[in-house]
């Protein structure tokens, strides 16, 4: 496996403490990044249409492939190659839906009481902020809002904050949560026509959607958001919400960040219908990125046929498969 040069975030001590609790938990302070990292991030934002300005040198580090994605050029500095590799595919034209979960070694995203701040470390927290900057809308379930009271903004990186979309099919959330009150980004509360809501809490807008036995119809949600120009969706949690998107076949990519932590009988990450035979399980070719002490598995769900079948030799693995890259 190739271990590339270290990449680390461009955040100051105040932002780091706010975003990941580093200074309060005794974790080592992350050093300032090389200038090339900030330049590369500006190039990615410009390529994704999220920021019109990017240094000319950074534009030469990216090229659009036949798949429409942005790829790192060989002339890009080694310290930024992996940053470009991770986020370049998300800069293609058109829409995508990416799900993300941060979990322990034993597959838990929180304790049984719901405590989840923070399962993963500051490098993966930074990754979440980068994903928010690249998407049009970040999607979370009501349970995540009730447990974590998140802001879902891009406080730790440059780039615009996305529209915040909260799925609340039972109308359980009140107006006291920060994202309904802070005005930091447009916010939509999604409810079902069965609840009969006529207005959303706080400053949020209301989006009423059809439902089925499992809750909001997610296909209708994706369509409704696309009609509003929100075509790049980042499903940040929680486990039930990401699992429903995956089971419905609506995810383009799935990202699982695994922390060196054992929780024990906590709240599970993915929860899917039972598979009777291993041969029927979905086996994927991962791209693997190290984020501090955490490992991120980036899985392309749009092309599962590219995965190598276990024990059968399958097809040729993708160029990035199994390569350990390092993004901080």
Protein backbone atom coordinates (compact mmCIF):
# COMPACT_ATOMS: atom_id res chain seq x y z
CA UNK A 1 0.00 0.00 0.00
CA UNK A 2 1.23 3.49 -0.77
CA UNK A 3 1.39 5.98 2.07
CA UNK A 4 1.33 9.49 0.69
CA UNK A 5 2.41 12.78 2.17
CA UNK A 6 0.45 14.14 5.13
CA UNK A 7 -2.34 16.59 4.46
CA UNK A 8 -3.77 18.66 7.24
CA UNK A 9 -6.56 21.25 7.55
CA UNK A 10 -6.31 25.00 7.40
CA UNK A 11 -8.04 25.75 10.65
CA UNK A 12 -6.99 27.80 13.63
CA UNK A 13 -7.14 26.82 17.27
CA UNK A 14 -10.49 28.51 17.87
CA UNK A 15 -12.17 26.78 14.92
CA UNK A 16 -10.58 23.46 15.82
CA UNK A 17 -11.91 23.58 19.35
CA UNK A 18 -15.37 24.51 18.09
CA UNK A 19 -15.45 21.82 15.43
CA UNK A 20 -13.84 18.83 17.06
CA UNK A 21 -13.19 19.58 20.72
CA UNK A 22 -9.46 19.13 20.19
CA UNK A 23 -8.19 21.61 22.77
CA UNK A 24 -10.74 20.48 25.35
CA UNK A 25 -9.99 16.76 25.05
CA UNK A 26 -6.22 16.99 25.13
CA UNK A 27 -5.74 15.89 21.52
CA UNK A 28 -2.60 17.23 19.79
CA UNK A 29 -3.13 20.51 18.00
CA UNK A 30 -3.12 20.16 14.22
CA UNK A 31 -0.40 22.29 12.53
CA UNK A 32 -1.12 24.84 9.87
CA UNK A 33 -1.26 23.31 6.37
CA UNK A 34 1.12 23.94 3.50
CA UNK A 35 -0.06 26.73 1.23
CA UNK A 36 -0.63 24.19 -1.54
CA UNK A 37 -3.49 22.57 0.37
CA UNK A 38 -5.49 25.78 0.62
CA UNK A 39 -4.84 26.41 -3.09
CA UNK A 40 -5.98 22.89 -4.00
CA UNK A 41 -9.16 23.27 -1.96
CA UNK A 42 -9.92 26.54 -3.78
CA UNK A 43 -9.50 24.70 -7.09
CA UNK A 44 -11.94 22.00 -6.02
CA UNK A 45 -14.56 24.56 -4.97
CA UNK A 46 -14.21 26.30 -8.33
CA UNK A 47 -14.43 23.01 -10.24
CA UNK A 48 -17.62 22.15 -8.35
CA UNK A 49 -19.12 25.56 -9.13
CA UNK A 50 -19.24 26.43 -5.43
CA UNK A 51 -16.73 29.28 -5.75
CA UNK A 52 -15.91 31.08 -8.99
CA UNK A 53 -12.37 32.07 -8.00
CA UNK A 54 -9.34 29.78 -7.93
CA UNK A 55 -5.63 30.48 -8.37
CA UNK A 56 -4.40 29.80 -11.90
CA UNK A 57 -1.78 27.34 -10.65
CA UNK A 58 -4.46 25.25 -8.94
CA UNK A 59 -6.56 25.05 -12.10
CA UNK A 60 -3.66 23.29 -13.78
CA UNK A 61 -3.65 20.60 -11.09
CA UNK A 62 -7.07 19.29 -12.16
CA UNK A 63 -8.33 17.92 -15.46
CA UNK A 64 -11.77 16.63 -16.40
CA UNK A 65 -11.78 12.97 -17.37
CA UNK A 66 -14.09 11.17 -19.78
CA UNK A 67 -16.26 10.26 -16.78
CA UNK A 68 -16.86 13.97 -16.15
CA UNK A 69 -15.03 13.89 -12.81
CA UNK A 70 -12.06 16.05 -11.92
CA UNK A 71 -8.78 14.15 -11.61
CA UNK A 72 -5.45 15.17 -10.15
CA UNK A 73 -2.72 15.88 -12.66
CA UNK A 74 0.70 14.32 -12.26
CA UNK A 75 2.20 17.80 -11.85
CA UNK A 76 0.18 18.47 -8.69
CA UNK A 77 2.36 18.57 -5.55
CA UNK A 78 2.51 15.25 -3.74
CA UNK A 79 1.05 16.81 -0.59
CA UNK A 80 -2.23 17.62 -2.36
CA UNK A 81 -2.63 14.59 -4.65
CA UNK A 82 -4.81 12.69 -2.19
CA UNK A 83 -7.00 15.69 -1.40
CA UNK A 84 -7.74 16.07 -5.11
CA UNK A 85 -8.27 12.33 -5.47
CA UNK A 86 -10.88 12.15 -2.70
CA UNK A 87 -13.00 15.12 -3.73
CA UNK A 88 -12.39 15.29 -7.49
CA UNK A 89 -15.14 12.77 -8.40
CA UNK A 90 -17.68 15.00 -6.60
CA UNK A 91 -16.87 17.93 -8.88
CA UNK A 92 -18.41 16.31 -11.97
CA UNK A 93 -21.38 17.96 -13.65
CA UNK A 94 -24.76 16.67 -12.58
CA UNK A 95 -26.14 15.44 -9.30
CA UNK A 96 -25.13 12.89 -6.71
CA UNK A 97 -26.26 11.57 -3.34
CA UNK A 98 -23.48 10.65 -0.89
CA UNK A 99 -24.12 9.06 2.48
CA UNK A 100 -21.63 9.22 5.36
CA UNK A 101 -21.40 7.50 8.73
CA UNK A 102 -18.67 7.75 11.36
CA UNK A 103 -18.57 4.60 13.46
CA UNK A 104 -16.58 2.57 15.96
CA UNK A 105 -14.72 -0.66 15.24
CA UNK A 106 -17.78 -2.56 16.44
CA UNK A 107 -20.11 -0.72 14.07
CA UNK A 108 -21.71 1.79 16.44
CA UNK A 109 -22.35 5.45 15.67
CA UNK A 110 -23.27 6.36 19.26
CA UNK A 111 -23.68 4.90 22.73
CA UNK A 112 -27.01 3.30 23.60
CA UNK A 113 -28.01 6.65 25.13
CA UNK A 114 -27.28 8.48 21.87
CA UNK A 115 -23.98 10.17 22.75
CA UNK A 116 -21.97 10.56 19.52
CA UNK A 117 -19.74 13.65 20.00
CA UNK A 118 -17.30 12.62 18.89
CA UNK A 119 -16.94 9.08 17.60
CA UNK A 120 -14.46 10.07 14.90
CA UNK A 121 -11.55 12.48 15.28
CA UNK A 122 -10.95 16.06 14.13
CA UNK A 123 -9.67 15.07 10.67
CA UNK A 124 -12.94 13.35 9.83
CA UNK A 125 -14.91 16.26 11.30
CA UNK A 126 -13.02 18.49 8.88
CA UNK A 127 -13.98 16.09 6.07
CA UNK A 128 -17.66 16.58 6.94
CA UNK A 129 -17.25 20.34 6.58
CA UNK A 130 -15.56 19.89 3.21
CA UNK A 131 -18.40 17.65 2.03
CA UNK A 132 -20.92 20.28 3.12
CA UNK A 133 -19.05 22.90 1.09
CA UNK A 134 -19.22 20.74 -2.04
CA UNK A 135 -22.91 19.80 -1.79
CA UNK A 136 -26.05 21.79 -2.52
CA UNK A 137 -27.90 20.38 0.48
CA UNK A 138 -26.98 18.41 3.60
CA UNK A 139 -29.64 15.95 4.78
CA UNK A 140 -30.12 14.63 8.32
CA UNK A 141 -32.86 12.85 10.21
CA UNK A 142 -34.82 14.21 13.15
CA UNK A 143 -32.94 11.89 15.53
CA UNK A 144 -29.61 13.50 14.64
CA UNK A 145 -31.01 16.97 15.30
CA UNK A 146 -32.60 15.89 18.58
CA UNK A 147 -29.42 14.19 19.85
CA UNK A 148 -26.62 16.43 18.54
CA UNK A 149 -28.25 19.83 17.85
CA UNK A 150 -25.89 20.28 14.85
CA UNK A 151 -25.31 23.49 12.90
CA UNK A 152 -24.43 21.76 9.58
CA UNK A 153 -22.41 24.72 8.28
CA UNK A 154 -18.91 25.08 6.82
CA UNK A 155 -17.32 26.74 9.83
CA UNK A 156 -13.98 24.95 9.42
CA UNK A 157 -13.38 25.46 5.69
CA UNK A 158 -13.81 28.06 3.00
CA UNK A 159 -16.86 27.61 0.80
CA UNK A 160 -20.59 28.24 1.15
CA UNK A 161 -22.78 26.44 3.64
CA UNK A 162 -25.39 24.20 1.99
CA UNK A 163 -29.14 24.24 2.38
CA UNK A 164 -29.93 22.23 5.53
CA UNK A 165 -32.64 19.60 5.07
CA UNK A 166 -34.17 17.92 8.12
CA UNK A 167 -36.39 14.84 7.76
CA UNK A 168 -39.06 14.92 10.44
CA UNK A 169 -41.94 12.69 9.27
CA UNK A 170 -43.62 12.61 12.70
CA UNK A 171 -43.30 16.32 13.50
CA UNK A 172 -41.27 15.66 16.65
CA UNK A 173 -38.86 18.63 16.53
CA UNK A 174 -39.49 21.98 18.19
CA UNK A 175 -38.08 25.39 17.35
CA UNK A 176 -35.38 25.34 20.01
CA UNK A 177 -32.70 23.67 17.85
CA UNK A 178 -29.90 25.88 16.55
CA UNK A 179 -30.33 25.23 12.85
CA UNK A 180 -33.93 26.50 13.04
CA UNK A 181 -32.87 29.74 14.73
CA UNK A 182 -29.35 30.78 13.69
CA UNK A 183 -30.08 31.95 10.13
CA UNK A 184 -26.64 30.65 9.11
CA UNK A 185 -28.02 28.89 6.02
CA UNK A 186 -31.41 28.21 4.43
CA UNK A 187 -33.17 25.36 6.20
CA UNK A 188 -36.00 23.05 5.12
CA UNK A 189 -38.05 20.86 7.43
CA UNK A 190 -39.54 17.90 5.55
CA UNK A 191 -42.74 16.43 6.89
CA UNK A 192 -45.48 14.17 5.56
CA UNK A 193 -48.93 15.18 4.45
CA UNK A 194 -50.24 12.87 7.19
CA UNK A 195 -48.86 15.06 10.01
CA UNK A 196 -50.77 18.12 8.84
CA UNK A 197 -48.06 20.70 9.57
CA UNK A 198 -48.75 24.15 8.14
CA UNK A 199 -45.47 25.83 9.11
CA UNK A 200 -41.96 24.81 10.06
CA UNK A 201 -40.30 25.73 13.37
CA UNK A 202 -38.25 28.88 13.69
CA UNK A 203 -36.82 30.30 10.46
CA UNK A 204 -37.07 27.04 8.50
CA UNK A 205 -39.21 26.51 5.42
CA UNK A 206 -41.64 23.60 5.16
CA UNK A 207 -41.56 20.89 2.49
CA UNK A 208 -44.49 18.46 2.63
CA UNK A 209 -43.86 15.09 0.98
CA UNK A 210 -45.80 11.87 0.39
CA UNK A 211 -45.04 8.94 2.66
CA UNK A 212 -45.07 5.18 2.84
CA UNK A 213 -44.93 2.67 5.70
CA UNK A 214 -41.28 3.57 6.41
CA UNK A 215 -41.77 7.33 6.55
CA UNK A 216 -41.04 10.02 3.99
CA UNK A 217 -40.76 8.79 0.43
CA UNK A 218 -37.10 9.42 -0.26
CA UNK A 219 -37.45 9.27 -4.04
CA UNK A 220 -39.99 12.10 -3.78
CA UNK A 221 -37.57 14.02 -1.57
CA UNK A 222 -34.72 13.74 -4.09
CA UNK A 223 -37.04 14.86 -6.89
CA UNK A 224 -38.42 17.79 -4.89
CA UNK A 225 -34.94 19.00 -3.96
CA UNK A 226 -33.76 18.70 -7.57
CA UNK A 227 -36.69 20.86 -8.65
CA UNK A 228 -35.30 23.50 -6.29
CA UNK A 229 -31.87 23.22 -7.90
CA UNK A 230 -30.46 21.07 -5.08
CA UNK A 231 -28.94 18.14 -6.97
CA UNK A 232 -25.82 17.36 -4.95
CA UNK A 233 -26.99 15.87 -1.66
CA UNK A 234 -24.88 14.88 1.33
CA UNK A 235 -26.74 12.56 3.70
CA UNK A 236 -24.80 13.10 6.92
CA UNK A 237 -26.84 10.96 9.28
CA UNK A 238 -27.96 9.30 11.26
CA UNK A 239 -27.81 5.56 10.84
CA UNK A 240 -31.51 5.09 10.10
CA UNK A 241 -31.55 7.84 7.48
CA UNK A 242 -28.40 6.67 5.66
CA UNK A 243 -29.65 3.06 5.80
CA UNK A 244 -32.97 4.04 4.22
CA UNK A 245 -31.25 5.89 1.38
CA UNK A 246 -28.97 2.89 0.79
CA UNK A 247 -31.83 0.36 0.88
CA UNK A 248 -33.81 2.51 -1.58
CA UNK A 249 -30.91 2.50 -4.06
CA UNK A 250 -30.63 6.28 -3.97
CA UNK A 251 -26.97 6.65 -2.91
CA UNK A 252 -24.28 7.34 -5.50
CA UNK A 253 -21.51 6.85 -2.96
CA UNK A 254 -21.26 5.62 0.62
CA UNK A 255 -18.53 6.82 2.96
CA UNK A 256 -17.85 4.93 6.18
CA UNK A 257 -15.29 6.40 8.58
CA UNK A 258 -14.06 3.85 11.14
CA UNK A 259 -12.52 5.11 14.38
CA UNK A 260 -10.25 3.03 16.66
CA UNK A 261 -12.96 2.92 19.29
CA UNK A 262 -15.04 0.11 20.79
CA UNK A 263 -18.40 1.27 22.18
CA UNK A 264 -20.20 -1.98 22.96
CA UNK A 265 -23.93 -2.42 22.32
CA UNK A 266 -24.39 1.13 21.08
CA UNK A 267 -26.59 2.46 18.32
CA UNK A 268 -25.75 0.68 15.06
CA UNK A 269 -24.57 2.37 11.87
CA UNK A 270 -26.08 0.63 8.86
CA UNK A 271 -29.20 -1.43 9.45
CA UNK A 272 -30.41 -3.22 6.33
CA UNK A 273 -32.68 -6.13 5.38
CA UNK A 274 -31.20 -9.56 6.08
CA UNK A 275 -29.11 -11.31 3.40
CA UNK A 276 -29.51 -15.09 3.42
CA UNK A 277 -26.49 -15.97 1.26
CA UNK A 278 -23.10 -14.28 1.24
CA UNK A 279 -23.11 -14.55 -2.54
CA UNK A 280 -26.06 -12.13 -2.57
CA UNK A 281 -24.27 -9.53 -0.44
CA UNK A 282 -23.13 -6.28 -2.03
CA UNK A 283 -19.34 -6.34 -2.28
CA UNK A 284 -17.68 -3.11 -3.38
CA UNK A 285 -14.24 -1.87 -4.37
CA UNK A 286 -13.22 0.75 -1.81
CA UNK A 287 -10.96 3.72 -2.06
CA UNK A 288 -9.25 3.99 1.33
CA UNK A 289 -8.17 7.21 2.98
CA UNK A 290 -6.49 7.70 6.32
CA UNK A 291 -7.79 10.67 8.31
CA UNK A 292 -5.68 10.96 11.42
CA UNK A 293 -6.44 7.82 13.45
CA UNK A 294 -9.59 7.11 11.41
CA UNK A 295 -9.92 5.16 8.16
CA UNK A 296 -12.43 6.34 5.53
CA UNK A 297 -13.86 3.83 3.07
CA UNK A 298 -15.17 5.65 -0.02
CA UNK A 299 -17.48 3.32 -1.95
CA UNK A 300 -18.83 3.97 -5.44
CA UNK A 301 -22.37 2.54 -5.46
CA UNK A 302 -23.08 3.68 -9.01
CA UNK A 303 -20.79 0.96 -10.39
CA UNK A 304 -20.90 -2.07 -8.04
CA UNK A 305 -20.16 -4.37 -10.97
CA UNK A 306 -16.60 -3.02 -10.88
CA UNK A 307 -16.03 -4.71 -7.53
CA UNK A 308 -13.91 -7.81 -7.35
CA UNK A 309 -15.85 -10.91 -6.24
CA UNK A 310 -14.34 -12.52 -3.15
CA UNK A 311 -12.64 -15.81 -3.95
CA UNK A 312 -13.43 -15.61 -7.67
CA UNK A 313 -10.80 -13.28 -9.02
CA UNK A 314 -13.56 -11.12 -10.53
CA UNK A 315 -12.64 -8.33 -12.91
CA UNK A 316 -9.64 -6.06 -12.69
CA UNK A 317 -9.83 -3.83 -9.62
CA UNK A 318 -10.06 -0.08 -10.03
CA UNK A 319 -6.77 1.82 -10.04
CA UNK A 320 -7.42 3.28 -6.59
CA UNK A 321 -8.73 0.08 -4.98
CA UNK A 322 -7.02 -0.85 -1.76
CA UNK A 323 -4.59 2.07 -1.94
CA UNK A 324 -4.15 3.77 1.41
CA UNK A 325 -4.14 7.51 0.93
CA UNK A 326 -3.74 10.08 3.65
CA UNK A 327 -5.97 13.13 4.04
CA UNK A 328 -5.74 15.38 7.10
